[in-house]
């Protein structure tokens, strides 16, 4: 029983971690785009 709850919890944490990584990549990409626009590339 407790093992099942642990599995759900780790899957949830993994999902949060992946979402955070995606957000970070998107934020970095948009920063680069802004920088490129600023430089007129």
C-alpha atoms as a PDB file:
ATOM      1  CA  UNK A   1       0.000   0.000   0.000  1.00  0.00           C
ATOM      2  CA  UNK A   2       2.606   2.569   1.061  1.00  0.00           C
ATOM      3  CA  UNK A   3       4.792   1.467  -1.861  1.00  0.00           C
ATOM      4  CA  UNK A   4       2.052   2.458  -4.300  1.00  0.00           C
ATOM      5  CA  UNK A   5       1.777   5.908  -2.708  1.00  0.00           C
ATOM      6  CA  UNK A   6       5.553   6.307  -2.943  1.00  0.00           C
ATOM      7  CA  UNK A   7       5.451   5.431  -6.633  1.00  0.00           C
ATOM      8  CA  UNK A   8       2.742   8.002  -7.300  1.00  0.00           C
ATOM      9  CA  UNK A   9       4.711  10.602  -5.381  1.00  0.00           C
ATOM     10  CA  UNK A  10       7.950   9.987  -7.294  1.00  0.00           C
ATOM     11  CA  UNK A  11       6.100  10.091 -10.617  1.00  0.00           C
ATOM     12  CA  UNK A  12       4.550  13.402  -9.592  1.00  0.00           C
ATOM     13  CA  UNK A  13       7.956  14.759  -8.599  1.00  0.00           C
ATOM     14  CA  UNK A  14       9.436  13.585 -11.886  1.00  0.00           C
ATOM     15  CA  UNK A  15       6.649  15.338 -13.785  1.00  0.00           C
ATOM     16  CA  UNK A  16       7.236  18.557 -11.852  1.00  0.00           C
ATOM     17  CA  UNK A  17      10.961  18.266 -12.484  1.00  0.00           C
ATOM     18  CA  UNK A  18      10.434  17.764 -16.219  1.00  0.00           C
ATOM     19  CA  UNK A  19       8.011  20.693 -16.379  1.00  0.00           C
ATOM     20  CA  UNK A  20      10.552  22.888 -14.599  1.00  0.00           C
ATOM     21  CA  UNK A  21      13.241  21.848 -17.086  1.00  0.00           C
ATOM     22  CA  UNK A  22      10.977  22.624 -20.041  1.00  0.00           C
ATOM     23  CA  UNK A  23      10.126  26.039 -18.585  1.00  0.00           C
ATOM     24  CA  UNK A  24      13.821  26.770 -18.079  1.00  0.00           C
ATOM     25  CA  UNK A  25      14.643  25.821 -21.689  1.00  0.00           C
ATOM     26  CA  UNK A  26      11.759  27.927 -22.997  1.00  0.00           C
ATOM     27  CA  UNK A  27      12.856  30.884 -20.857  1.00  0.00           C
ATOM     28  CA  UNK A  28      16.423  30.561 -22.134  1.00  0.00           C
ATOM     29  CA  UNK A  29      15.231  30.315 -25.730  1.00  0.00           C
ATOM     30  CA  UNK A  30      13.040  33.408 -25.445  1.00  0.00           C
ATOM     31  CA  UNK A  31      15.931  35.289 -23.853  1.00  0.00           C
ATOM     32  CA  UNK A  32      18.155  34.338 -26.792  1.00  0.00           C
ATOM     33  CA  UNK A  33      15.454  35.421 -29.234  1.00  0.00           C
ATOM     34  CA  UNK A  34      15.164  38.772 -27.529  1.00  0.00           C
ATOM     35  CA  UNK A  35      18.923  39.168 -27.612  1.00  0.00           C
ATOM     36  CA  UNK A  36      18.999  38.259 -31.316  1.00  0.00           C
ATOM     37  CA  UNK A  37      16.259  40.788 -32.054  1.00  0.00           C
ATOM     38  CA  UNK A  38      18.159  43.403 -30.082  1.00  0.00           C
ATOM     39  CA  UNK A  39      21.283  42.732 -32.107  1.00  0.00           C
ATOM     40  CA  UNK A  40      19.247  42.732 -35.303  1.00  0.00           C
ATOM     41  CA  UNK A  41      20.202  39.195 -36.336  1.00  0.00           C
END
